[in-house]
């Protein structure tokens, strides 16, 4: 979540994408997304064979990355994972509030 929050702030304060801090944040984000991609290969959930707090915790930063138009950085397993999470009725209900 740190990378996501920091990226939001850099955009809020108008730092250009080629600023060294922004480039470093994006590299860190890509490393974290690569770890998540490897974890989600062949899995439906992050921690075990059912939805857990780990999935809920991962859902929010992935949602924020969607809002930042950075979901194109998701690998296929991460994109499929986020699609499954975002289709859950409770996920949709939380967004409707």
PDB file of N, CA and C in Angstrom:
ATOM      1  N   UNK A   1       0.823  -1.196   0.000  1.00  0.00           N
ATOM      2  CA  UNK A   1       0.000   0.000   0.000  1.00  0.00           C
ATOM      3  C   UNK A   1       0.865   1.256   0.000  1.00  0.00           C
ATOM      4  N   UNK A   2       2.080   1.162   0.552  1.00  0.00           N
ATOM      5  CA  UNK A   2       2.931   2.347   0.588  1.00  0.00           C
ATOM      6  C   UNK A   2       3.135   2.931  -0.803  1.00  0.00           C
ATOM      7  N   UNK A   3       3.489   2.093  -1.752  1.00  0.00           N
ATOM      8  CA  UNK A   3       3.739   2.582  -3.111  1.00  0.00           C
ATOM      9  C   UNK A   3       2.504   3.262  -3.682  1.00  0.00           C
ATOM     10  N   UNK A   4       1.351   2.662  -3.471  1.00  0.00           N
ATOM     11  CA  UNK A   4       0.109   3.211  -4.016  1.00  0.00           C
ATOM     12  C   UNK A   4      -0.183   4.578  -3.409  1.00  0.00           C
ATOM     13  N   UNK A   5      -0.071   4.682  -2.098  1.00  0.00           N
ATOM     14  CA  UNK A   5      -0.327   5.963  -1.424  1.00  0.00           C
ATOM     15  C   UNK A   5       0.675   7.022  -1.878  1.00  0.00           C
ATOM     16  N   UNK A   6       1.929   6.640  -2.008  1.00  0.00           N
ATOM     17  CA  UNK A   6       2.949   7.598  -2.437  1.00  0.00           C
ATOM     18  C   UNK A   6       2.721   8.044  -3.877  1.00  0.00           C
ATOM     19  N   UNK A   7       2.301   7.138  -4.734  1.00  0.00           N
ATOM     20  CA  UNK A   7       2.017   7.504  -6.129  1.00  0.00           C
ATOM     21  C   UNK A   7       0.854   8.494  -6.175  1.00  0.00           C
ATOM     22  N   UNK A   8      -0.173   8.255  -5.378  1.00  0.00           N
ATOM     23  CA  UNK A   8      -1.276   9.218  -5.295  1.00  0.00           C
ATOM     24  C   UNK A   8      -0.754  10.609  -4.925  1.00  0.00           C
ATOM     25  N   UNK A   9       0.109  10.649  -3.936  1.00  0.00           N
ATOM     26  CA  UNK A   9       0.621  11.950  -3.482  1.00  0.00           C
ATOM     27  C   UNK A   9       1.482  12.633  -4.541  1.00  0.00           C
ATOM     28  N   UNK A  10       2.295  11.861  -5.247  1.00  0.00           N
ATOM     29  CA  UNK A  10       3.125  12.499  -6.279  1.00  0.00           C
ATOM     30  C   UNK A  10       2.252  13.115  -7.360  1.00  0.00           C
ATOM     31  N   UNK A  11       1.161  12.456  -7.665  1.00  0.00           N
ATOM     32  CA  UNK A  11       0.247  13.011  -8.676  1.00  0.00           C
ATOM     33  C   UNK A  11      -0.497  14.217  -8.131  1.00  0.00           C
ATOM     34  N   UNK A  12      -0.879  14.131  -6.888  1.00  0.00           N
ATOM     35  CA  UNK A  12      -1.592  15.251  -6.260  1.00  0.00           C
ATOM     36  C   UNK A  12      -0.739  16.519  -6.261  1.00  0.00           C
ATOM     37  N   UNK A  13       0.548  16.353  -6.010  1.00  0.00           N
ATOM     38  CA  UNK A  13       1.438  17.501  -5.954  1.00  0.00           C
ATOM     39  C   UNK A  13       2.122  17.807  -7.280  1.00  0.00           C
ATOM     40  N   UNK A  14       1.738  17.092  -8.331  1.00  0.00           N
ATOM     41  CA  UNK A  14       2.190  17.418  -9.670  1.00  0.00           C
ATOM     42  C   UNK A  14       3.618  17.044 -10.029  1.00  0.00           C
ATOM     43  N   UNK A  15       4.187  16.078  -9.326  1.00  0.00           N
ATOM     44  CA  UNK A  15       5.527  15.633  -9.712  1.00  0.00           C
ATOM     45  C   UNK A  15       5.452  14.930 -11.065  1.00  0.00           C
ATOM     46  N   UNK A  16       6.365  15.226 -11.973  1.00  0.00           N
ATOM     47  CA  UNK A  16       6.332  14.571 -13.286  1.00  0.00           C
ATOM     48  C   UNK A  16       6.720  13.095 -13.173  1.00  0.00           C
ATOM     49  N   UNK A  17       6.212  12.280 -14.073  1.00  0.00           N
ATOM     50  CA  UNK A  17       6.471  10.840 -14.049  1.00  0.00           C
ATOM     51  C   UNK A  17       7.957  10.523 -14.155  1.00  0.00           C
ATOM     52  N   UNK A  18       8.726  11.420 -14.791  1.00  0.00           N
ATOM     53  CA  UNK A  18      10.153  11.152 -14.943  1.00  0.00           C
ATOM     54  C   UNK A  18      10.995  11.692 -13.776  1.00  0.00           C
ATOM     55  N   UNK A  19      10.345  12.191 -12.738  1.00  0.00           N
ATOM     56  CA  UNK A  19      11.068  12.621 -11.538  1.00  0.00           C
ATOM     57  C   UNK A  19      11.691  11.368 -10.903  1.00  0.00           C
ATOM     58  N   UNK A  20      12.928  11.447 -10.428  1.00  0.00           N
ATOM     59  CA  UNK A  20      13.576  10.259  -9.852  1.00  0.00           C
ATOM     60  C   UNK A  20      12.773   9.579  -8.747  1.00  0.00           C
ATOM     61  N   UNK A  21      12.096  10.351  -7.916  1.00  0.00           N
ATOM     62  CA  UNK A  21      11.282   9.751  -6.858  1.00  0.00           C
ATOM     63  C   UNK A  21      10.130   8.955  -7.455  1.00  0.00           C
ATOM     64  N   UNK A  22       9.473   9.513  -8.471  1.00  0.00           N
ATOM     65  CA  UNK A  22       8.362   8.807  -9.126  1.00  0.00           C
ATOM     66  C   UNK A  22       8.853   7.536  -9.809  1.00  0.00           C
ATOM     67  N   UNK A  23       9.989   7.627 -10.465  1.00  0.00           N
ATOM     68  CA  UNK A  23      10.547   6.443 -11.121  1.00  0.00           C
ATOM     69  C   UNK A  23      10.874   5.364 -10.104  1.00  0.00           C
ATOM     70  N   UNK A  24      11.406   5.761  -8.957  1.00  0.00           N
ATOM     71  CA  UNK A  24      11.718   4.806  -7.901  1.00  0.00           C
ATOM     72  C   UNK A  24      10.448   4.161  -7.347  1.00  0.00           C
ATOM     73  N   UNK A  25       9.413   4.963  -7.155  1.00  0.00           N
ATOM     74  CA  UNK A  25       8.136   4.413  -6.679  1.00  0.00           C
ATOM     75  C   UNK A  25       7.570   3.393  -7.660  1.00  0.00           C
ATOM     76  N   UNK A  26       7.640   3.699  -8.944  1.00  0.00           N
ATOM     77  CA  UNK A  26       7.097   2.782  -9.942  1.00  0.00           C
ATOM     78  C   UNK A  26       7.908   1.488  -9.991  1.00  0.00           C
ATOM     79  N   UNK A  27       9.213   1.599  -9.826  1.00  0.00           N
ATOM     80  CA  UNK A  27      10.045   0.392  -9.791  1.00  0.00           C
ATOM     81  C   UNK A  27       9.683  -0.464  -8.575  1.00  0.00           C
ATOM     82  N   UNK A  28       9.466   0.179  -7.432  1.00  0.00           N
ATOM     83  CA  UNK A  28       9.050  -0.554  -6.236  1.00  0.00           C
ATOM     84  C   UNK A  28       7.688  -1.202  -6.423  1.00  0.00           C
ATOM     85  N   UNK A  29       6.783  -0.475  -7.046  1.00  0.00           N
ATOM     86  CA  UNK A  29       5.460  -1.026  -7.322  1.00  0.00           C
ATOM     87  C   UNK A  29       5.579  -2.247  -8.230  1.00  0.00           C
ATOM     88  N   UNK A  30       6.367  -2.123  -9.276  1.00  0.00           N
ATOM     89  CA  UNK A  30       6.535  -3.253 -10.197  1.00  0.00           C
ATOM     90  C   UNK A  30       7.120  -4.475  -9.491  1.00  0.00           C
ATOM     91  N   UNK A  31       8.046  -4.261  -8.566  1.00  0.00           N
ATOM     92  CA  UNK A  31       8.607  -5.386  -7.797  1.00  0.00           C
ATOM     93  C   UNK A  31       7.538  -6.046  -6.942  1.00  0.00           C
ATOM     94  N   UNK A  32       6.706  -5.240  -6.301  1.00  0.00           N
ATOM     95  CA  UNK A  32       5.639  -5.797  -5.458  1.00  0.00           C
ATOM     96  C   UNK A  32       4.603  -6.538  -6.313  1.00  0.00           C
ATOM     97  N   UNK A  33       4.278  -5.960  -7.458  1.00  0.00           N
ATOM     98  CA  UNK A  33       3.321  -6.622  -8.337  1.00  0.00           C
ATOM     99  C   UNK A  33       3.890  -7.922  -8.898  1.00  0.00           C
ATOM    100  N   UNK A  34       5.197  -7.968  -9.147  1.00  0.00           N
ATOM    101  CA  UNK A  34       5.820  -9.206  -9.618  1.00  0.00           C
ATOM    102  C   UNK A  34       5.731 -10.287  -8.541  1.00  0.00           C
ATOM    103  N   UNK A  35       5.920  -9.904  -7.288  1.00  0.00           N
ATOM    104  CA  UNK A  35       5.792 -10.869  -6.187  1.00  0.00           C
ATOM    105  C   UNK A  35       4.363 -11.378  -6.081  1.00  0.00           C
ATOM    106  N   UNK A  36       3.403 -10.467  -6.205  1.00  0.00           N
ATOM    107  CA  UNK A  36       1.996 -10.873  -6.152  1.00  0.00           C
ATOM    108  C   UNK A  36       1.658 -11.779  -7.333  1.00  0.00           C
ATOM    109  N   UNK A  37       2.154 -11.435  -8.495  1.00  0.00           N
ATOM    110  CA  UNK A  37       1.903 -12.254  -9.688  1.00  0.00           C
ATOM    111  C   UNK A  37       2.413 -13.678  -9.465  1.00  0.00           C
ATOM    112  N   UNK A  38       3.612 -13.809  -8.959  1.00  0.00           N
ATOM    113  CA  UNK A  38       4.166 -15.138  -8.697  1.00  0.00           C
ATOM    114  C   UNK A  38       3.327 -15.885  -7.669  1.00  0.00           C
ATOM    115  N   UNK A  39       2.875 -15.179  -6.656  1.00  0.00           N
ATOM    116  CA  UNK A  39       2.056 -15.805  -5.609  1.00  0.00           C
ATOM    117  C   UNK A  39       0.725 -16.289  -6.159  1.00  0.00           C
ATOM    118  N   UNK A  40       0.122 -15.532  -7.070  1.00  0.00           N
ATOM    119  CA  UNK A  40      -1.223 -15.839  -7.537  1.00  0.00           C
ATOM    120  C   UNK A  40      -1.263 -16.842  -8.689  1.00  0.00           C
ATOM    121  N   UNK A  41      -0.121 -17.191  -9.237  1.00  0.00           N
ATOM    122  CA  UNK A  41      -0.088 -18.187 -10.309  1.00  0.00           C
ATOM    123  C   UNK A  41      -0.773 -19.469  -9.850  1.00  0.00           C
ATOM    124  N   UNK A  42      -1.854 -19.850 -10.518  1.00  0.00           N
ATOM    125  CA  UNK A  42      -2.556 -21.092 -10.207  1.00  0.00           C
ATOM    126  C   UNK A  42      -3.347 -21.083  -8.911  1.00  0.00           C
ATOM    127  N   UNK A  43      -3.549 -19.908  -8.338  1.00  0.00           N
ATOM    128  CA  UNK A  43      -4.273 -19.807  -7.066  1.00  0.00           C
ATOM    129  C   UNK A  43      -5.503 -18.922  -7.240  1.00  0.00           C
ATOM    130  N   UNK A  44      -6.520 -19.181  -6.437  1.00  0.00           N
ATOM    131  CA  UNK A  44      -7.701 -18.321  -6.422  1.00  0.00           C
ATOM    132  C   UNK A  44      -7.620 -17.276  -5.318  1.00  0.00           C
ATOM    133  N   UNK A  45      -6.921 -17.606  -4.240  1.00  0.00           N
ATOM    134  CA  UNK A  45      -6.837 -16.722  -3.083  1.00  0.00           C
ATOM    135  C   UNK A  45      -5.386 -16.591  -2.645  1.00  0.00           C
ATOM    136  N   UNK A  46      -5.089 -15.534  -1.929  1.00  0.00           N
ATOM    137  CA  UNK A  46      -3.705 -15.218  -1.579  1.00  0.00           C
ATOM    138  C   UNK A  46      -3.118 -16.131  -0.509  1.00  0.00           C
ATOM    139  N   UNK A  47      -3.900 -16.486   0.506  1.00  0.00           N
ATOM    140  CA  UNK A  47      -3.316 -17.181   1.650  1.00  0.00           C
ATOM    141  C   UNK A  47      -3.638 -18.667   1.717  1.00  0.00           C
ATOM    142  N   UNK A  48      -4.837 -19.050   1.310  1.00  0.00           N
ATOM    143  CA  UNK A  48      -5.222 -20.459   1.380  1.00  0.00           C
ATOM    144  C   UNK A  48      -6.313 -20.705   0.342  1.00  0.00           C
ATOM    145  N   UNK A  49      -7.125 -21.703   0.554  1.00  0.00           N
ATOM    146  CA  UNK A  49      -8.117 -22.069  -0.459  1.00  0.00           C
ATOM    147  C   UNK A  49      -9.465 -21.379  -0.272  1.00  0.00           C
ATOM    148  N   UNK A  50      -9.469 -20.273   0.464  1.00  0.00           N
ATOM    149  CA  UNK A  50     -10.710 -19.510   0.670  1.00  0.00           C
ATOM    150  C   UNK A  50     -10.350 -18.042   0.895  1.00  0.00           C
ATOM    151  N   UNK A  51     -11.355 -17.193   0.812  1.00  0.00           N
ATOM    152  CA  UNK A  51     -11.161 -15.770   1.055  1.00  0.00           C
ATOM    153  C   UNK A  51     -10.746 -15.536   2.506  1.00  0.00           C
ATOM    154  N   UNK A  52      -9.700 -14.736   2.690  1.00  0.00           N
ATOM    155  CA  UNK A  52      -9.240 -14.387   4.032  1.00  0.00           C
ATOM    156  C   UNK A  52      -8.971 -12.883   4.078  1.00  0.00           C
ATOM    157  N   UNK A  53      -8.565 -12.434   5.233  1.00  0.00           N
ATOM    158  CA  UNK A  53      -8.205 -11.033   5.394  1.00  0.00           C
ATOM    159  C   UNK A  53      -7.077 -10.635   4.439  1.00  0.00           C
ATOM    160  N   UNK A  54      -6.220 -11.577   4.091  1.00  0.00           N
ATOM    161  CA  UNK A  54      -5.140 -11.284   3.135  1.00  0.00           C
ATOM    162  C   UNK A  54      -5.723 -10.796   1.805  1.00  0.00           C
ATOM    163  N   UNK A  55      -6.787 -11.426   1.349  1.00  0.00           N
ATOM    164  CA  UNK A  55      -7.410 -11.023   0.089  1.00  0.00           C
ATOM    165  C   UNK A  55      -8.062  -9.650   0.209  1.00  0.00           C
ATOM    166  N   UNK A  56      -8.703  -9.408   1.324  1.00  0.00           N
ATOM    167  CA  UNK A  56      -9.327  -8.109   1.544  1.00  0.00           C
ATOM    168  C   UNK A  56      -8.257  -7.026   1.599  1.00  0.00           C
ATOM    169  N   UNK A  57      -7.145  -7.338   2.260  1.00  0.00           N
ATOM    170  CA  UNK A  57      -6.046  -6.371   2.348  1.00  0.00           C
ATOM    171  C   UNK A  57      -5.426  -6.091   0.990  1.00  0.00           C
ATOM    172  N   UNK A  58      -5.373  -7.073   0.132  1.00  0.00           N
ATOM    173  CA  UNK A  58      -4.824  -6.875  -1.215  1.00  0.00           C
ATOM    174  C   UNK A  58      -5.811  -6.172  -2.138  1.00  0.00           C
ATOM    175  N   UNK A  59      -7.089  -6.346  -1.884  1.00  0.00           N
ATOM    176  CA  UNK A  59      -8.097  -5.760  -2.762  1.00  0.00           C
ATOM    177  C   UNK A  59      -8.053  -4.248  -2.818  1.00  0.00           C
ATOM    178  N   UNK A  60      -7.823  -3.607  -1.682  1.00  0.00           N
ATOM    179  CA  UNK A  60      -7.852  -2.142  -1.672  1.00  0.00           C
ATOM    180  C   UNK A  60      -6.732  -1.522  -2.499  1.00  0.00           C
ATOM    181  N   UNK A  61      -5.469  -1.919  -2.322  1.00  0.00           N
ATOM    182  CA  UNK A  61      -4.444  -1.314  -3.171  1.00  0.00           C
ATOM    183  C   UNK A  61      -4.655  -1.616  -4.651  1.00  0.00           C
ATOM    184  N   UNK A  62      -5.173  -2.800  -4.956  1.00  0.00           N
ATOM    185  CA  UNK A  62      -5.444  -3.101  -6.367  1.00  0.00           C
ATOM    186  C   UNK A  62      -6.554  -2.203  -6.907  1.00  0.00           C
ATOM    187  N   UNK A  63      -7.557  -1.950  -6.091  1.00  0.00           N
ATOM    188  CA  UNK A  63      -8.622  -1.012  -6.467  1.00  0.00           C
ATOM    189  C   UNK A  63      -8.042   0.375  -6.731  1.00  0.00           C
ATOM    190  N   UNK A  64      -7.166   0.820  -5.842  1.00  0.00           N
ATOM    191  CA  UNK A  64      -6.567   2.156  -6.006  1.00  0.00           C
ATOM    192  C   UNK A  64      -5.691   2.216  -7.255  1.00  0.00           C
ATOM    193  N   UNK A  65      -5.017   1.130  -7.563  1.00  0.00           N
ATOM    194  CA  UNK A  65      -4.222   1.108  -8.795  1.00  0.00           C
ATOM    195  C   UNK A  65      -5.115   1.211 -10.015  1.00  0.00           C
ATOM    196  N   UNK A  66      -6.296   0.634  -9.945  1.00  0.00           N
ATOM    197  CA  UNK A  66      -7.280   0.805 -11.022  1.00  0.00           C
ATOM    198  C   UNK A  66      -7.606   2.282 -11.174  1.00  0.00           C
ATOM    199  N   UNK A  67      -7.874   2.955 -10.070  1.00  0.00           N
ATOM    200  CA  UNK A  67      -8.219   4.373 -10.094  1.00  0.00           C
ATOM    201  C   UNK A  67      -7.077   5.218 -10.651  1.00  0.00           C
ATOM    202  N   UNK A  68      -5.856   4.784 -10.408  1.00  0.00           N
ATOM    203  CA  UNK A  68      -4.675   5.497 -10.920  1.00  0.00           C
ATOM    204  C   UNK A  68      -4.362   5.142 -12.376  1.00  0.00           C
ATOM    205  N   UNK A  69      -5.188   4.279 -12.941  1.00  0.00           N
ATOM    206  CA  UNK A  69      -4.997   3.796 -14.313  1.00  0.00           C
ATOM    207  C   UNK A  69      -3.656   3.079 -14.466  1.00  0.00           C
ATOM    208  N   UNK A  70      -3.311   2.304 -13.440  1.00  0.00           N
ATOM    209  CA  UNK A  70      -2.078   1.535 -13.447  1.00  0.00           C
ATOM    210  C   UNK A  70      -2.325   0.029 -13.475  1.00  0.00           C
ATOM    211  N   UNK A  71      -3.564  -0.381 -13.684  1.00  0.00           N
ATOM    212  CA  UNK A  71      -3.878  -1.806 -13.717  1.00  0.00           C
ATOM    213  C   UNK A  71      -3.215  -2.499 -14.904  1.00  0.00           C
ATOM    214  N   UNK A  72      -2.776  -1.744 -15.880  1.00  0.00           N
ATOM    215  CA  UNK A  72      -2.040  -2.325 -16.997  1.00  0.00           C
ATOM    216  C   UNK A  72      -0.719  -2.931 -16.565  1.00  0.00           C
ATOM    217  N   UNK A  73      -0.277  -2.617 -15.373  1.00  0.00           N
ATOM    218  CA  UNK A  73       0.966  -3.178 -14.834  1.00  0.00           C
ATOM    219  C   UNK A  73       0.732  -4.540 -14.179  1.00  0.00           C
ATOM    220  N   UNK A  74      -0.535  -4.915 -13.988  1.00  0.00           N
ATOM    221  CA  UNK A  74      -0.857  -6.222 -13.421  1.00  0.00           C
ATOM    222  C   UNK A  74      -0.446  -7.304 -14.413  1.00  0.00           C
ATOM    223  N   UNK A  75       0.078  -8.398 -13.901  1.00  0.00           N
ATOM    224  CA  UNK A  75       0.271  -9.575 -14.737  1.00  0.00           C
ATOM    225  C   UNK A  75      -1.067 -10.282 -14.902  1.00  0.00           C
ATOM    226  N   UNK A  76      -1.124 -11.299 -15.755  1.00  0.00           N
ATOM    227  CA  UNK A  76      -2.406 -11.977 -16.002  1.00  0.00           C
ATOM    228  C   UNK A  76      -3.012 -12.633 -14.757  1.00  0.00           C
ATOM    229  N   UNK A  77      -2.198 -13.220 -13.901  1.00  0.00           N
ATOM    230  CA  UNK A  77      -2.740 -13.868 -12.696  1.00  0.00           C
ATOM    231  C   UNK A  77      -3.285 -12.824 -11.725  1.00  0.00           C
ATOM    232  N   UNK A  78      -2.598 -11.693 -11.623  1.00  0.00           N
ATOM    233  CA  UNK A  78      -3.062 -10.618 -10.741  1.00  0.00           C
ATOM    234  C   UNK A  78      -4.329  -9.990 -11.290  1.00  0.00           C
ATOM    235  N   UNK A  79      -4.378  -9.775 -12.583  1.00  0.00           N
ATOM    236  CA  UNK A  79      -5.577  -9.202 -13.203  1.00  0.00           C
ATOM    237  C   UNK A  79      -6.783 -10.120 -12.994  1.00  0.00           C
ATOM    238  N   UNK A  80      -6.587 -11.422 -13.162  1.00  0.00           N
ATOM    239  CA  UNK A  80      -7.683 -12.374 -12.953  1.00  0.00           C
ATOM    240  C   UNK A  80      -8.104 -12.396 -11.483  1.00  0.00           C
ATOM    241  N   UNK A  81      -7.133 -12.334 -10.590  1.00  0.00           N
ATOM    242  CA  UNK A  81      -7.414 -12.300  -9.154  1.00  0.00           C
ATOM    243  C   UNK A  81      -8.241 -11.064  -8.804  1.00  0.00           C
ATOM    244  N   UNK A  82      -7.809  -9.915  -9.281  1.00  0.00           N
ATOM    245  CA  UNK A  82      -8.558  -8.693  -8.996  1.00  0.00           C
ATOM    246  C   UNK A  82      -9.962  -8.760  -9.599  1.00  0.00           C
ATOM    247  N   UNK A  83     -10.091  -9.300 -10.791  1.00  0.00           N
ATOM    248  CA  UNK A  83     -11.414  -9.434 -11.410  1.00  0.00           C
ATOM    249  C   UNK A  83     -12.330 -10.294 -10.540  1.00  0.00           C
ATOM    250  N   UNK A  84     -11.797 -11.388 -10.007  1.00  0.00           N
ATOM    251  CA  UNK A  84     -12.607 -12.239  -9.119  1.00  0.00           C
ATOM    252  C   UNK A  84     -13.000 -11.492  -7.856  1.00  0.00           C
ATOM    253  N   UNK A  85     -12.047 -10.792  -7.257  1.00  0.00           N
ATOM    254  CA  UNK A  85     -12.370 -10.037  -6.043  1.00  0.00           C
ATOM    255  C   UNK A  85     -13.437  -8.984  -6.310  1.00  0.00           C
ATOM    256  N   UNK A  86     -13.280  -8.255  -7.397  1.00  0.00           N
ATOM    257  CA  UNK A  86     -14.179  -7.131  -7.669  1.00  0.00           C
ATOM    258  C   UNK A  86     -15.584  -7.574  -8.069  1.00  0.00           C
ATOM    259  N   UNK A  87     -15.757  -8.835  -8.397  1.00  0.00           N
ATOM    260  CA  UNK A  87     -17.082  -9.357  -8.724  1.00  0.00           C
ATOM    261  C   UNK A  87     -17.822  -9.908  -7.509  1.00  0.00           C
ATOM    262  N   UNK A  88     -17.157  -9.984  -6.393  1.00  0.00           N
ATOM    263  CA  UNK A  88     -17.805 -10.501  -5.183  1.00  0.00           C
ATOM    264  C   UNK A  88     -18.877  -9.509  -4.713  1.00  0.00           C
ATOM    265  N   UNK A  89     -20.045 -10.003  -4.310  1.00  0.00           N
ATOM    266  CA  UNK A  89     -21.103  -9.107  -3.865  1.00  0.00           C
ATOM    267  C   UNK A  89     -20.679  -8.161  -2.733  1.00  0.00           C
ATOM    268  N   UNK A  90     -19.899  -8.648  -1.786  1.00  0.00           N
ATOM    269  CA  UNK A  90     -19.474  -7.783  -0.669  1.00  0.00           C
ATOM    270  C   UNK A  90     -18.541  -6.676  -1.154  1.00  0.00           C
ATOM    271  N   UNK A  91     -17.708  -6.962  -2.139  1.00  0.00           N
ATOM    272  CA  UNK A  91     -16.820  -5.945  -2.704  1.00  0.00           C
ATOM    273  C   UNK A  91     -17.663  -4.849  -3.341  1.00  0.00           C
ATOM    274  N   UNK A  92     -18.631  -5.267  -4.140  1.00  0.00           N
ATOM    275  CA  UNK A  92     -19.515  -4.282  -4.801  1.00  0.00           C
ATOM    276  C   UNK A  92     -20.316  -3.489  -3.767  1.00  0.00           C
ATOM    277  N   UNK A  93     -20.791  -4.151  -2.727  1.00  0.00           N
ATOM    278  CA  UNK A  93     -21.551  -3.460  -1.688  1.00  0.00           C
ATOM    279  C   UNK A  93     -20.695  -2.437  -0.961  1.00  0.00           C
ATOM    280  N   UNK A  94     -19.443  -2.780  -0.697  1.00  0.00           N
ATOM    281  CA  UNK A  94     -18.545  -1.836  -0.022  1.00  0.00           C
ATOM    282  C   UNK A  94     -18.316  -0.596  -0.870  1.00  0.00           C
ATOM    283  N   UNK A  95     -18.212  -0.762  -2.159  1.00  0.00           N
ATOM    284  CA  UNK A  95     -18.008   0.381  -3.053  1.00  0.00           C
ATOM    285  C   UNK A  95     -19.262   1.241  -3.189  1.00  0.00           C
ATOM    286  N   UNK A  96     -20.412   0.628  -3.001  1.00  0.00           N
ATOM    287  CA  UNK A  96     -21.666   1.362  -3.127  1.00  0.00           C
ATOM    288  C   UNK A  96     -21.950   2.270  -1.944  1.00  0.00           C
ATOM    289  N   UNK A  97     -21.253   2.084  -0.846  1.00  0.00           N
ATOM    290  CA  UNK A  97     -21.495   2.885   0.367  1.00  0.00           C
ATOM    291  C   UNK A  97     -20.887   4.235   0.272  1.00  0.00           C
TER     292      UNK A  97
END
